[in-house]
Every structure is written in structure tokens, then in C-alpha cells.
C-alpha atoms as a PDB file:
ATOM      1  CA  MET A   1     -34.702   6.712  20.743  1.00  0.00           C
ATOM      2  CA  VAL A   2     -32.384   8.871  18.677  1.00  0.00           C
ATOM      3  CA  LEU A   3     -32.983  12.217  20.384  1.00  0.00           C
ATOM      4  CA  ARG A   4     -32.716  12.439  24.146  1.00  0.00           C
ATOM      5  CA  ASP A   5     -32.578  15.404  26.521  1.00  0.00           C
ATOM      6  CA  VAL A   6     -32.748  17.967  23.718  1.00  0.00           C
ATOM      7  CA  ASP A   7     -33.770  21.517  24.513  1.00  0.00           C
ATOM      8  CA  LEU A   8     -33.562  23.600  21.372  1.00  0.00           C
ATOM      9  CA  VAL A   9     -34.518  27.138  20.358  1.00  0.00           C
ATOM     10  CA  LEU A  10     -34.260  27.950  16.644  1.00  0.00           C
ATOM     11  CA  ALA A  11     -34.475  31.701  16.143  1.00  0.00           C
ATOM     12  CA  GLU A  12     -33.461  31.941  12.479  1.00  0.00           C
ATOM     13  CA  ARG A  13     -35.950  31.782   9.617  1.00  0.00           C
ATOM     14  CA  ARG A  14     -33.925  29.091   7.809  1.00  0.00           C
ATOM     15  CA  ILE A  15     -31.956  26.351   9.527  1.00  0.00           C
ATOM     16  CA  ALA A  16     -29.710  23.679   8.031  1.00  0.00           C
ATOM     17  CA  VAL A  17     -29.020  20.498   9.958  1.00  0.00           C
ATOM     18  CA  VAL A  18     -25.895  18.559   9.040  1.00  0.00           C
ATOM     19  CA  GLY A  19     -24.674  15.319  10.535  1.00  0.00           C
ATOM     20  CA  ALA A  20     -23.729  11.715  10.010  1.00  0.00           C
ATOM     21  CA  ASN A  21     -26.218   9.050   8.956  1.00  0.00           C
ATOM     22  CA  GLY A  22     -28.265   7.947  11.945  1.00  0.00           C
ATOM     23  CA  SER A  23     -27.533  11.076  13.975  1.00  0.00           C
ATOM     24  CA  GLY A  24     -31.211  12.117  14.189  1.00  0.00           C
ATOM     25  CA  LYS A  25     -31.517  14.778  11.474  1.00  0.00           C
ATOM     26  CA  SER A  26     -34.626  13.293   9.871  1.00  0.00           C
ATOM     27  CA  THR A  27     -36.157  12.486  13.243  1.00  0.00           C
ATOM     28  CA  LEU A  28     -35.637  16.083  14.349  1.00  0.00           C
ATOM     29  CA  ALA A  29     -37.201  17.400  11.116  1.00  0.00           C
ATOM     30  CA  ARG A  30     -40.197  15.081  11.464  1.00  0.00           C
ATOM     31  CA  LEU A  31     -40.658  16.122  15.099  1.00  0.00           C
ATOM     32  CA  LEU A  32     -40.470  19.821  14.201  1.00  0.00           C
ATOM     33  CA  ASN A  33     -43.032  19.307  11.438  1.00  0.00           C
ATOM     34  CA  GLY A  34     -45.412  17.318  13.623  1.00  0.00           C
ATOM     35  CA  LEU A  35     -45.128  14.247  11.412  1.00  0.00           C
ATOM     36  CA  VAL A  36     -43.840  12.260  14.398  1.00  0.00           C
ATOM     37  CA  LEU A  37     -44.985  12.930  17.946  1.00  0.00           C
ATOM     38  CA  PRO A  38     -42.503  12.789  20.817  1.00  0.00           C
ATOM     39  CA  SER A  39     -42.795   9.781  23.125  1.00  0.00           C
ATOM     40  CA  GLU A  40     -41.845  12.104  26.004  1.00  0.00           C
ATOM     41  CA  GLY A  41     -41.819  15.856  26.434  1.00  0.00           C
ATOM     42  CA  SER A  42     -43.195  18.248  23.849  1.00  0.00           C
ATOM     43  CA  VAL A  43     -42.329  20.043  20.635  1.00  0.00           C
ATOM     44  CA  VAL A  44     -43.633  23.602  20.395  1.00  0.00           C
ATOM     45  CA  VAL A  45     -43.366  25.748  17.252  1.00  0.00           C
ATOM     46  CA  ASP A  46     -44.422  29.401  17.486  1.00  0.00           C
ATOM     47  CA  GLY A  47     -46.545  28.536  20.514  1.00  0.00           C
ATOM     48  CA  HIS A  48     -48.226  25.541  18.820  1.00  0.00           C
ATOM     49  CA  ASP A  49     -47.675  22.095  20.317  1.00  0.00           C
ATOM     50  CA  THR A  50     -47.216  19.489  17.582  1.00  0.00           C
ATOM     51  CA  ARG A  51     -49.386  17.065  19.537  1.00  0.00           C
ATOM     52  CA  ASP A  52     -52.383  19.433  19.751  1.00  0.00           C
ATOM     53  CA  ASP A  53     -52.108  21.613  16.660  1.00  0.00           C
ATOM     54  CA  GLY A  54     -50.098  19.813  13.993  1.00  0.00           C
ATOM     55  CA  ALA A  55     -51.837  21.616  11.125  1.00  0.00           C
ATOM     56  CA  ALA A  56     -50.760  25.042  12.436  1.00  0.00           C
ATOM     57  CA  VAL A  57     -47.224  23.755  12.919  1.00  0.00           C
ATOM     58  CA  ARG A  58     -47.034  22.421   9.362  1.00  0.00           C
ATOM     59  CA  ARG A  59     -48.104  25.843   8.052  1.00  0.00           C
ATOM     60  CA  ARG A  60     -44.986  27.270   9.715  1.00  0.00           C
ATOM     61  CA  VAL A  61     -42.400  24.519   9.198  1.00  0.00           C
ATOM     62  CA  GLY A  62     -41.264  22.880   5.997  1.00  0.00           C
ATOM     63  CA  PHE A  63     -38.387  20.667   5.045  1.00  0.00           C
ATOM     64  CA  VAL A  64     -36.979  18.800   2.092  1.00  0.00           C
ATOM     65  CA  PHE A  65     -34.629  15.868   1.954  1.00  0.00           C
ATOM     66  CA  THR A  66     -31.417  15.881  -0.072  1.00  0.00           C
ATOM     67  CA  ASP A  67     -32.231  12.330  -1.181  1.00  0.00           C
ATOM     68  CA  PRO A  68     -35.275  12.258  -3.470  1.00  0.00           C
ATOM     69  CA  ASP A  69     -35.938   8.654  -2.427  1.00  0.00           C
ATOM     70  CA  ALA A  70     -36.699   9.934   1.076  1.00  0.00           C
ATOM     71  CA  GLN A  71     -39.474  12.366   0.076  1.00  0.00           C
ATOM     72  CA  ILE A  72     -42.471  12.383   2.385  1.00  0.00           C
ATOM     73  CA  VAL A  73     -45.481  12.193   0.086  1.00  0.00           C
ATOM     74  CA  MET A  74     -44.547  12.732  -3.542  1.00  0.00           C
ATOM     75  CA  PRO A  75     -41.586  11.431  -5.552  1.00  0.00           C
ATOM     76  CA  THR A  76     -39.826  14.793  -6.015  1.00  0.00           C
ATOM     77  CA  VAL A  77     -39.153  17.877  -3.908  1.00  0.00           C
ATOM     78  CA  ALA A  78     -41.127  20.058  -6.331  1.00  0.00           C
ATOM     79  CA  GLU A  79     -44.156  17.750  -6.144  1.00  0.00           C
ATOM     80  CA  ASP A  80     -43.926  17.610  -2.326  1.00  0.00           C
ATOM     81  CA  VAL A  81     -43.915  21.417  -2.139  1.00  0.00           C
ATOM     82  CA  ALA A  82     -46.752  21.701  -4.662  1.00  0.00           C
ATOM     83  CA  PHE A  83     -48.756  19.123  -2.714  1.00  0.00           C
ATOM     84  CA  SER A  84     -48.374  21.071   0.537  1.00  0.00           C
ATOM     85  CA  LEU A  85     -49.381  24.332  -1.168  1.00  0.00           C
ATOM     86  CA  ARG A  86     -52.633  22.876  -2.523  1.00  0.00           C
ATOM     87  CA  ARG A  87     -54.234  23.108   0.930  1.00  0.00           C
ATOM     88  CA  ARG A  88     -53.488  26.829   1.233  1.00  0.00           C
ATOM     89  CA  GLY A  89     -55.772  29.440  -0.090  1.00  0.00           C
END
């Protein structure tokens, strides 16, 4: 487990997370986006628990990697963003 005993409130609209390789940045982003569920505790975004309402969470949280090889779905940031916007309407 990379993240342990974390209690975090992010009040700003945009947040940057910086740290060394292996420090948990990607894990935190995936947890906040509901792409990974916590093995203990909960992740709540604007009142939506990632375990129960991941779709609502993903409408509120987005992230991009600095390394294009680490993109989630598509090969580029632009294609990832375009892919996520296709479901909106």
C-alpha cells in the first residue's frame, strides 16, 4: 500500500501533485478519480463516494499524466480528454 492514514481536503479548483517516483501521486489521482477503489476507508468527492458513484466522481475530477506513455485510455492527452467528453451531452 502506497497511501496510508491520509486525510485530505482539496479546496482549490486545480491541484498539482509533485513528488518522487513511487511516492503515490498516480495512486492518489486514480483514487480521486474512482479508477481504483480504496482497500480501506473511503474517498469522497463533492459528497460522492467513489465506491458507490464513480460516474458522478469522474464528471467532477480529471487528470492527465506528464508522461504520454502513462495515459489511461488513449495514446495522447488530447485523445484521453476527447474520449471522456464523448459521454457528455
